[in-house]
Amino acid sequence: MSRPEDTLPPDLHYNDTEARKYTTSSRIQNIQASMTNRALELLDLKTPSLLLDIGCGSGLSGEILSAVPEDEGGPHIWVGMDISASMLDIALQRDVEGDLMLSDIGQGVPFRAGSFDAAISISAIQWLCNAESSEVSSAGRLSRFFGGLYASLKRGGRAVCQFYPKNDEQRGMITGAAIKAGFGAGILEDDPGTKSAKLYLVLTVGGGDIETANGDITGVVKGMDGVDVLDARRKHKEKGRKDVKKGSKAWIFGEERTDGEKRKGG
């Protein structure tokens, strides 16, 4: 089965017909809700926050952000970005509460530095790996996106991006670009080795609460059941450990932060 990323650019793929089909599918609604709630768990927001929803589509994830109850740290205010005018038109018709922007994330994230407490992205960033012409490189699009996202988040902020890489090369391209931009980064995989496996790129910006964990990305999922940890920062403490068994629910690995993050305050 072909992937939509391999057929057309997202603004053309999600035309009026596809956007409507996507939004009204009960199966997609359930999957989207599950992944959004999982991302919120990883963000672990304690108070109402301002979030950026990257690739917001018709607002399926945004509705969940707006509906988080007070006793769970919500409700949250959100701003959504998407390249599909058809998707955003449906979001307007559905009267979602977030502000909406028609924008190509491969051209950057056009907000003031430190605008957002956190960011979320569901099933969007893998599109950045597809260059639409010989004049545009995937590496350049990824660099502009992660650089802009890093700048737009407050110190101590987090971002969680669920994505579907085509292969290990794309997975490496995406995580490498995030780390190069300055993020502390880790990959969390739910249900590894199954058809329902889901990948979450968990990102942190130096400073704030992250300092309490000494910049350790694994602090983002501290206390979660069924998680095994492989962290580059811990290698010198576990020289005799050759491998880490994947947990039945999820596993995570961290990467060393770049000089860019250290300069920002990690």
C-alpha atoms as a PDB file:
ATOM      1  CA  MET A   1       0.000   0.000   0.000  1.00  0.00           C
ATOM      2  CA  SER A   2       1.460   3.355  -1.027  1.00  0.00           C
ATOM      3  CA  ARG A   3       2.050   6.068   1.517  1.00  0.00           C
ATOM      4  CA  PRO A   4       0.330   9.421   0.914  1.00  0.00           C
ATOM      5  CA  GLU A   5       3.718  11.132   1.302  1.00  0.00           C
ATOM      6  CA  ASP A   6       4.935   9.281  -1.802  1.00  0.00           C
ATOM      7  CA  THR A   7       2.099  10.408  -4.061  1.00  0.00           C
ATOM      8  CA  LEU A   8       1.462  14.147  -3.759  1.00  0.00           C
ATOM      9  CA  PRO A   9       2.553  17.103  -1.616  1.00  0.00           C
ATOM     10  CA  PRO A  10       0.311  17.456   1.477  1.00  0.00           C
ATOM     11  CA  ASP A  11      -1.485  20.574   0.240  1.00  0.00           C
ATOM     12  CA  LEU A  12      -2.521  18.686  -2.907  1.00  0.00           C
ATOM     13  CA  HIS A  13      -3.171  15.311  -1.290  1.00  0.00           C
ATOM     14  CA  TYR A  14      -5.502  16.796   1.314  1.00  0.00           C
ATOM     15  CA  ASN A  15      -7.896  18.436  -1.106  1.00  0.00           C
ATOM     16  CA  ASP A  16     -11.551  19.060  -0.233  1.00  0.00           C
ATOM     17  CA  THR A  17     -12.518  15.417  -0.752  1.00  0.00           C
ATOM     18  CA  GLU A  18      -9.618  13.853   1.177  1.00  0.00           C
ATOM     19  CA  ALA A  19      -9.838  16.403   3.984  1.00  0.00           C
ATOM     20  CA  ARG A  20     -13.527  15.663   4.477  1.00  0.00           C
ATOM     21  CA  LYS A  21     -12.932  11.911   4.311  1.00  0.00           C
ATOM     22  CA  TYR A  22     -10.114  12.144   6.872  1.00  0.00           C
ATOM     23  CA  THR A  23     -12.125  14.240   9.302  1.00  0.00           C
ATOM     24  CA  THR A  24     -15.308  12.152   9.196  1.00  0.00           C
ATOM     25  CA  SER A  25     -13.663   8.725   9.512  1.00  0.00           C
ATOM     26  CA  SER A  26     -14.488   7.292  12.943  1.00  0.00           C
ATOM     27  CA  ARG A  27     -11.398   5.082  12.751  1.00  0.00           C
ATOM     28  CA  ILE A  28      -9.111   8.042  12.136  1.00  0.00           C
ATOM     29  CA  GLN A  29     -10.839  10.056  14.853  1.00  0.00           C
ATOM     30  CA  ASN A  30     -10.190   7.287  17.393  1.00  0.00           C
ATOM     31  CA  ILE A  31      -6.548   6.845  16.379  1.00  0.00           C
ATOM     32  CA  GLN A  32      -5.959  10.600  16.399  1.00  0.00           C
ATOM     33  CA  ALA A  33      -7.523  10.946  19.840  1.00  0.00           C
ATOM     34  CA  SER A  34      -5.415   8.112  21.233  1.00  0.00           C
ATOM     35  CA  MET A  35      -2.161   9.568  19.887  1.00  0.00           C
ATOM     36  CA  THR A  36      -3.034  13.086  21.041  1.00  0.00           C
ATOM     37  CA  ASN A  37      -3.766  11.895  24.563  1.00  0.00           C
ATOM     38  CA  ARG A  38      -0.505   9.954  24.557  1.00  0.00           C
ATOM     39  CA  ALA A  39       1.377  13.069  23.496  1.00  0.00           C
ATOM     40  CA  LEU A  40      -0.295  15.015  26.303  1.00  0.00           C
ATOM     41  CA  GLU A  41       0.874  12.378  28.785  1.00  0.00           C
ATOM     42  CA  LEU A  42       4.436  12.913  27.600  1.00  0.00           C
ATOM     43  CA  LEU A  43       4.143  16.702  27.719  1.00  0.00           C
ATOM     44  CA  ASP A  44       2.934  16.378  31.318  1.00  0.00           C
ATOM     45  CA  LEU A  45       1.527  19.911  31.495  1.00  0.00           C
ATOM     46  CA  LYS A  46       0.479  20.861  35.028  1.00  0.00           C
ATOM     47  CA  THR A  47      -1.295  24.137  34.246  1.00  0.00           C
ATOM     48  CA  PRO A  48      -3.229  25.645  31.310  1.00  0.00           C
ATOM     49  CA  SER A  49      -0.650  26.307  28.597  1.00  0.00           C
ATOM     50  CA  LEU A  50      -0.240  27.830  25.150  1.00  0.00           C
ATOM     51  CA  LEU A  51       0.489  25.069  22.631  1.00  0.00           C
ATOM     52  CA  LEU A  52       1.479  25.002  18.988  1.00  0.00           C
ATOM     53  CA  ASP A  53      -0.287  22.247  17.027  1.00  0.00           C
ATOM     54  CA  ILE A  54       1.960  21.448  14.044  1.00  0.00           C
ATOM     55  CA  GLY A  55       0.051  20.022  11.109  1.00  0.00           C
ATOM     56  CA  CYS A  56      -3.212  20.681  12.928  1.00  0.00           C
ATOM     57  CA  GLY A  57      -5.401  19.595  10.014  1.00  0.00           C
ATOM     58  CA  SER A  58      -9.095  19.979  10.722  1.00  0.00           C
ATOM     59  CA  GLY A  59      -8.558  20.420  14.450  1.00  0.00           C
ATOM     60  CA  LEU A  60      -9.090  16.865  15.704  1.00  0.00           C
ATOM     61  CA  SER A  61      -6.155  17.132  18.117  1.00  0.00           C
ATOM     62  CA  GLY A  62      -6.933  20.746  18.957  1.00  0.00           C
ATOM     63  CA  GLU A  63     -10.388  19.803  20.206  1.00  0.00           C
ATOM     64  CA  ILE A  64      -8.767  17.495  22.734  1.00  0.00           C
ATOM     65  CA  LEU A  65      -6.354  20.219  23.874  1.00  0.00           C
ATOM     66  CA  SER A  66      -9.285  22.569  24.444  1.00  0.00           C
ATOM     67  CA  ALA A  67     -11.196  19.923  26.399  1.00  0.00           C
ATOM     68  CA  VAL A  68      -8.513  18.933  28.941  1.00  0.00           C
ATOM     69  CA  PRO A  69     -10.200  19.345  32.366  1.00  0.00           C
ATOM     70  CA  GLU A  70      -8.854  21.626  35.083  1.00  0.00           C
ATOM     71  CA  ASP A  71      -7.845  18.743  37.340  1.00  0.00           C
ATOM     72  CA  GLU A  72      -5.584  17.481  34.539  1.00  0.00           C
ATOM     73  CA  GLY A  73      -3.889  20.833  33.923  1.00  0.00           C
ATOM     74  CA  GLY A  74      -6.200  22.246  31.257  1.00  0.00           C
ATOM     75  CA  PRO A  75      -7.882  23.551  29.320  1.00  0.00           C
ATOM     76  CA  HIS A  76      -5.127  24.606  26.944  1.00  0.00           C
ATOM     77  CA  ILE A  77      -5.028  27.398  24.382  1.00  0.00           C
ATOM     78  CA  TRP A  78      -3.604  26.430  21.014  1.00  0.00           C
ATOM     79  CA  VAL A  79      -2.483  27.773  17.673  1.00  0.00           C
ATOM     80  CA  GLY A  80      -2.600  25.436  14.683  1.00  0.00           C
ATOM     81  CA  MET A  81      -0.420  25.404  11.557  1.00  0.00           C
ATOM     82  CA  ASP A  82      -1.208  23.426   8.420  1.00  0.00           C
ATOM     83  CA  ILE A  83      -0.319  23.568   4.726  1.00  0.00           C
ATOM     84  CA  SER A  84      -3.726  22.308   3.567  1.00  0.00           C
ATOM     85  CA  ALA A  85      -6.273  25.066   2.996  1.00  0.00           C
ATOM     86  CA  SER A  86      -8.975  22.395   2.698  1.00  0.00           C
ATOM     87  CA  MET A  87      -8.160  21.006   6.138  1.00  0.00           C
ATOM     88  CA  LEU A  88      -8.184  24.457   7.719  1.00  0.00           C
ATOM     89  CA  ASP A  89     -11.476  25.275   6.016  1.00  0.00           C
ATOM     90  CA  ILE A  90     -13.062  22.239   7.663  1.00  0.00           C
ATOM     91  CA  ALA A  91     -11.568  23.301  10.997  1.00  0.00           C
ATOM     92  CA  LEU A  92     -13.269  26.679  10.592  1.00  0.00           C
ATOM     93  CA  GLN A  93     -16.554  24.996   9.705  1.00  0.00           C
ATOM     94  CA  ARG A  94     -16.241  22.864  12.836  1.00  0.00           C
ATOM     95  CA  ASP A  95     -15.728  26.038  14.881  1.00  0.00           C
ATOM     96  CA  VAL A  96     -12.626  24.834  16.716  1.00  0.00           C
ATOM     97  CA  GLU A  97     -11.336  27.075  19.487  1.00  0.00           C
ATOM     98  CA  GLY A  98      -7.738  27.447  18.323  1.00  0.00           C
ATOM     99  CA  ASP A  99      -6.286  30.105  16.050  1.00  0.00           C
ATOM    100  CA  LEU A 100      -5.376  28.753  12.618  1.00  0.00           C
ATOM    101  CA  MET A 101      -2.527  29.554  10.227  1.00  0.00           C
ATOM    102  CA  LEU A 102      -2.016  28.417   6.637  1.00  0.00           C
ATOM    103  CA  SER A 103       1.708  27.732   6.574  1.00  0.00           C
ATOM    104  CA  ASP A 104       4.347  25.295   5.313  1.00  0.00           C
ATOM    105  CA  ILE A 105       6.350  24.065   8.309  1.00  0.00           C
ATOM    106  CA  GLY A 106       9.201  23.249   5.938  1.00  0.00           C
ATOM    107  CA  GLN A 107       9.683  27.013   5.576  1.00  0.00           C
ATOM    108  CA  GLY A 108      10.033  27.450   9.332  1.00  0.00           C
ATOM    109  CA  VAL A 109       7.899  28.281  12.356  1.00  0.00           C
ATOM    110  CA  PRO A 110       7.122  32.026  12.091  1.00  0.00           C
ATOM    111  CA  PHE A 111       6.530  33.023  15.706  1.00  0.00           C
ATOM    112  CA  ARG A 112       8.409  35.163  18.190  1.00  0.00           C
ATOM    113  CA  ALA A 113      11.062  33.480  20.285  1.00  0.00           C
ATOM    114  CA  GLY A 114       9.647  31.822  23.380  1.00  0.00           C
ATOM    115  CA  SER A 115       6.014  32.148  22.302  1.00  0.00           C
ATOM    116  CA  PHE A 116       4.834  28.669  23.303  1.00  0.00           C
ATOM    117  CA  ASP A 117       4.917  26.562  26.440  1.00  0.00           C
ATOM    118  CA  ALA A 118       4.816  23.345  24.424  1.00  0.00           C
ATOM    119  CA  ALA A 119       4.120  21.902  20.996  1.00  0.00           C
ATOM    120  CA  ILE A 120       2.372  18.852  19.633  1.00  0.00           C
ATOM    121  CA  SER A 121       2.343  17.230  16.206  1.00  0.00           C
ATOM    122  CA  ILE A 122       0.397  14.170  15.113  1.00  0.00           C
ATOM    123  CA  SER A 123       1.258  12.342  11.874  1.00  0.00           C
ATOM    124  CA  ALA A 124       2.797  15.352  10.140  1.00  0.00           C
ATOM    125  CA  ILE A 125       6.564  15.756  10.273  1.00  0.00           C
ATOM    126  CA  GLN A 126       7.363  12.742   8.057  1.00  0.00           C
ATOM    127  CA  TRP A 127       6.120  14.869   5.137  1.00  0.00           C
ATOM    128  CA  LEU A 128       9.250  17.002   5.558  1.00  0.00           C
ATOM    129  CA  CYS A 129      11.374  14.118   4.270  1.00  0.00           C
ATOM    130  CA  ASN A 130       9.834  14.426   0.812  1.00  0.00           C
ATOM    131  CA  ALA A 131      11.475  17.118  -1.295  1.00  0.00           C
ATOM    132  CA  GLU A 132       8.989  18.417  -3.840  1.00  0.00           C
ATOM    133  CA  SER A 133      11.600  19.608  -6.356  1.00  0.00           C
ATOM    134  CA  SER A 134      15.306  19.395  -7.072  1.00  0.00           C
ATOM    135  CA  GLU A 135      15.663  22.926  -5.713  1.00  0.00           C
ATOM    136  CA  VAL A 136      14.337  21.971  -2.275  1.00  0.00           C
ATOM    137  CA  SER A 137      16.149  19.500  -0.016  1.00  0.00           C
ATOM    138  CA  SER A 138      14.631  17.418   2.755  1.00  0.00           C
ATOM    139  CA  ALA A 139      17.557  18.330   4.994  1.00  0.00           C
ATOM    140  CA  GLY A 140      16.894  22.027   4.477  1.00  0.00           C
ATOM    141  CA  ARG A 141      13.195  21.680   5.253  1.00  0.00           C
ATOM    142  CA  LEU A 142      13.895  19.695   8.406  1.00  0.00           C
ATOM    143  CA  SER A 143      16.522  22.211   9.509  1.00  0.00           C
ATOM    144  CA  ARG A 144      14.210  25.188   9.031  1.00  0.00           C
ATOM    145  CA  PHE A 145      11.372  23.457  10.845  1.00  0.00           C
ATOM    146  CA  PHE A 146      13.284  22.299  13.905  1.00  0.00           C
ATOM    147  CA  GLY A 147      15.280  25.526  14.126  1.00  0.00           C
ATOM    148  CA  GLY A 148      12.085  27.564  14.108  1.00  0.00           C
ATOM    149  CA  LEU A 149      10.351  25.232  16.554  1.00  0.00           C
ATOM    150  CA  TYR A 150      13.287  25.393  18.962  1.00  0.00           C
ATOM    151  CA  ALA A 151      13.231  29.181  18.928  1.00  0.00           C
ATOM    152  CA  SER A 152       9.452  29.388  19.372  1.00  0.00           C
ATOM    153  CA  LEU A 153       9.417  27.334  22.578  1.00  0.00           C
ATOM    154  CA  LYS A 154      10.082  28.756  26.021  1.00  0.00           C
ATOM    155  CA  ARG A 155      13.105  27.622  28.012  1.00  0.00           C
ATOM    156  CA  GLY A 156      12.174  24.356  29.669  1.00  0.00           C
ATOM    157  CA  GLY A 157       9.499  23.738  27.048  1.00  0.00           C
ATOM    158  CA  ARG A 158       8.711  20.416  25.449  1.00  0.00           C
ATOM    159  CA  ALA A 159       7.415  19.149  22.144  1.00  0.00           C
ATOM    160  CA  VAL A 160       6.029  15.741  21.242  1.00  0.00           C
ATOM    161  CA  CYS A 161       5.811  14.766  17.578  1.00  0.00           C
ATOM    162  CA  GLN A 162       4.152  11.492  16.620  1.00  0.00           C
ATOM    163  CA  PHE A 163       5.339  10.486  13.161  1.00  0.00           C
ATOM    164  CA  TYR A 164       5.515   7.641  10.652  1.00  0.00           C
ATOM    165  CA  PRO A 165       9.022   7.365   9.185  1.00  0.00           C
ATOM    166  CA  LYS A 166       9.242   5.395   5.962  1.00  0.00           C
ATOM    167  CA  ASN A 167      12.433   3.671   7.074  1.00  0.00           C
ATOM    168  CA  ASP A 168      15.374   3.944   9.463  1.00  0.00           C
ATOM    169  CA  GLU A 169      17.000   6.541   7.215  1.00  0.00           C
ATOM    170  CA  GLN A 170      14.043   8.912   7.583  1.00  0.00           C
ATOM    171  CA  ARG A 171      13.903   8.244  11.302  1.00  0.00           C
ATOM    172  CA  GLY A 172      17.559   9.186  11.567  1.00  0.00           C
ATOM    173  CA  MET A 173      17.135  12.279   9.382  1.00  0.00           C
ATOM    174  CA  ILE A 174      14.335  13.583  11.584  1.00  0.00           C
ATOM    175  CA  THR A 175      15.941  12.906  14.959  1.00  0.00           C
ATOM    176  CA  GLY A 176      19.312  14.160  13.726  1.00  0.00           C
ATOM    177  CA  ALA A 177      17.813  17.443  12.546  1.00  0.00           C
ATOM    178  CA  ALA A 178      16.100  17.939  15.912  1.00  0.00           C
ATOM    179  CA  ILE A 179      19.312  17.351  17.836  1.00  0.00           C
ATOM    180  CA  LYS A 180      21.274  19.637  15.509  1.00  0.00           C
ATOM    181  CA  ALA A 181      18.733  22.393  16.187  1.00  0.00           C
ATOM    182  CA  GLY A 182      19.569  22.170  19.893  1.00  0.00           C
ATOM    183  CA  PHE A 183      16.889  19.915  21.330  1.00  0.00           C
ATOM    184  CA  GLY A 184      17.345  17.168  23.860  1.00  0.00           C
ATOM    185  CA  ALA A 185      15.670  14.350  21.933  1.00  0.00           C
ATOM    186  CA  GLY A 186      14.402  10.836  22.444  1.00  0.00           C
ATOM    187  CA  ILE A 187      12.257   8.345  20.588  1.00  0.00           C
ATOM    188  CA  LEU A 188       9.435   6.623  22.434  1.00  0.00           C
ATOM    189  CA  GLU A 189       7.894   3.594  20.723  1.00  0.00           C
ATOM    190  CA  ASP A 190       4.581   2.148  21.836  1.00  0.00           C
ATOM    191  CA  ASP A 191       3.763  -1.458  20.922  1.00  0.00           C
ATOM    192  CA  PRO A 192       7.101  -2.067  19.177  1.00  0.00           C
ATOM    193  CA  GLY A 193       7.187  -4.803  16.570  1.00  0.00           C
ATOM    194  CA  THR A 194       3.444  -4.710  15.899  1.00  0.00           C
ATOM    195  CA  LYS A 195       1.309  -3.206  13.139  1.00  0.00           C
ATOM    196  CA  SER A 196      -0.017  -0.694  15.652  1.00  0.00           C
ATOM    197  CA  ALA A 197       3.456   0.541  16.669  1.00  0.00           C
ATOM    198  CA  LYS A 198       3.626   4.307  17.170  1.00  0.00           C
ATOM    199  CA  LEU A 199       6.729   6.506  17.346  1.00  0.00           C
ATOM    200  CA  TYR A 200       6.888   9.705  19.383  1.00  0.00           C
ATOM    201  CA  LEU A 201       9.778  12.129  19.096  1.00  0.00           C
ATOM    202  CA  VAL A 202      10.062  13.743  22.531  1.00  0.00           C
ATOM    203  CA  LEU A 203      11.950  17.055  22.544  1.00  0.00           C
ATOM    204  CA  THR A 204      13.111  19.350  25.332  1.00  0.00           C
ATOM    205  CA  VAL A 205      14.515  22.876  25.375  1.00  0.00           C
ATOM    206  CA  GLY A 206      17.240  23.611  27.926  1.00  0.00           C
ATOM    207  CA  GLY A 207      16.348  25.525  31.070  1.00  0.00           C
ATOM    208  CA  GLY A 208      13.333  25.587  33.344  1.00  0.00           C
ATOM    209  CA  ASP A 209      12.099  22.296  34.795  1.00  0.00           C
ATOM    210  CA  ILE A 210      14.429  20.280  32.589  1.00  0.00           C
ATOM    211  CA  GLU A 211      17.343  21.432  34.723  1.00  0.00           C
ATOM    212  CA  THR A 212      15.977  19.378  37.620  1.00  0.00           C
ATOM    213  CA  ALA A 213      16.725  16.280  35.563  1.00  0.00           C
ATOM    214  CA  ASN A 214      20.150  17.566  34.482  1.00  0.00           C
ATOM    215  CA  GLY A 215      18.897  17.780  30.931  1.00  0.00           C
ATOM    216  CA  ASP A 216      18.138  14.055  30.815  1.00  0.00           C
ATOM    217  CA  ILE A 217      15.467  13.444  28.185  1.00  0.00           C
ATOM    218  CA  THR A 218      14.388  10.292  29.994  1.00  0.00           C
ATOM    219  CA  GLY A 219      13.041  12.474  32.795  1.00  0.00           C
ATOM    220  CA  VAL A 220      10.125  13.227  30.496  1.00  0.00           C
ATOM    221  CA  VAL A 221       8.807   9.706  30.961  1.00  0.00           C
ATOM    222  CA  LYS A 222       9.995   9.127  34.520  1.00  0.00           C
ATOM    223  CA  GLY A 223       7.568   7.011  36.479  1.00  0.00           C
ATOM    224  CA  MET A 224       5.778   5.498  33.485  1.00  0.00           C
ATOM    225  CA  ASP A 225       5.085   1.789  33.694  1.00  0.00           C
ATOM    226  CA  GLY A 226       6.744  -0.637  31.306  1.00  0.00           C
ATOM    227  CA  VAL A 227       9.447   1.694  30.007  1.00  0.00           C
ATOM    228  CA  ASP A 228      13.049   0.624  29.557  1.00  0.00           C
ATOM    229  CA  VAL A 229      15.674   3.287  29.109  1.00  0.00           C
ATOM    230  CA  LEU A 230      18.734   3.539  26.905  1.00  0.00           C
ATOM    231  CA  ASP A 231      20.411   6.929  27.322  1.00  0.00           C
ATOM    232  CA  ALA A 232      23.735   7.995  25.840  1.00  0.00           C
ATOM    233  CA  ARG A 233      24.455  10.032  28.980  1.00  0.00           C
ATOM    234  CA  ARG A 234      24.395   6.873  31.064  1.00  0.00           C
ATOM    235  CA  LYS A 235      26.761   4.751  28.998  1.00  0.00           C
ATOM    236  CA  HIS A 236      29.737   5.445  31.219  1.00  0.00           C
ATOM    237  CA  LYS A 237      27.707   4.272  34.216  1.00  0.00           C
ATOM    238  CA  GLU A 238      26.688   1.014  32.554  1.00  0.00           C
ATOM    239  CA  LYS A 239      29.804  -0.092  30.690  1.00  0.00           C
ATOM    240  CA  GLY A 240      28.985  -3.737  31.118  1.00  0.00           C
ATOM    241  CA  ARG A 241      25.483  -3.432  29.740  1.00  0.00           C
ATOM    242  CA  LYS A 242      25.389  -4.458  26.083  1.00  0.00           C
ATOM    243  CA  ASP A 243      21.693  -4.226  25.344  1.00  0.00           C
ATOM    244  CA  VAL A 244      18.411  -3.068  26.777  1.00  0.00           C
ATOM    245  CA  LYS A 245      15.364  -5.254  26.395  1.00  0.00           C
ATOM    246  CA  LYS A 246      12.430  -3.413  24.870  1.00  0.00           C
ATOM    247  CA  GLY A 247       9.512  -3.001  27.263  1.00  0.00           C
ATOM    248  CA  SER A 248       6.176  -4.568  26.448  1.00  0.00           C
ATOM    249  CA  LYS A 249       4.601  -1.131  26.237  1.00  0.00           C
ATOM    250  CA  ALA A 250       7.324   1.261  25.211  1.00  0.00           C
ATOM    251  CA  TRP A 251      11.009   2.068  25.204  1.00  0.00           C
ATOM    252  CA  ILE A 252      12.956   5.273  24.920  1.00  0.00           C
ATOM    253  CA  PHE A 253      16.457   6.347  24.050  1.00  0.00           C
ATOM    254  CA  GLY A 254      18.105   9.702  24.557  1.00  0.00           C
ATOM    255  CA  GLU A 255      20.768  11.575  22.645  1.00  0.00           C
ATOM    256  CA  GLU A 256      23.409  13.979  23.822  1.00  0.00           C
ATOM    257  CA  ARG A 257      22.343  17.582  23.537  1.00  0.00           C
ATOM    258  CA  THR A 258      24.136  19.797  21.064  1.00  0.00           C
ATOM    259  CA  ASP A 259      26.151  22.884  21.853  1.00  0.00           C
ATOM    260  CA  GLY A 260      23.137  24.905  20.746  1.00  0.00           C
ATOM    261  CA  GLU A 261      21.035  23.602  23.618  1.00  0.00           C
ATOM    262  CA  LYS A 262      23.813  24.140  26.132  1.00  0.00           C
ATOM    263  CA  ARG A 263      24.059  27.759  25.030  1.00  0.00           C
ATOM    264  CA  LYS A 264      20.320  28.194  25.477  1.00  0.00           C
ATOM    265  CA  GLY A 265      20.481  27.117  29.058  1.00  0.00           C
ATOM    266  CA  GLY A 266      20.507  23.291  29.371  1.00  0.00           C
END
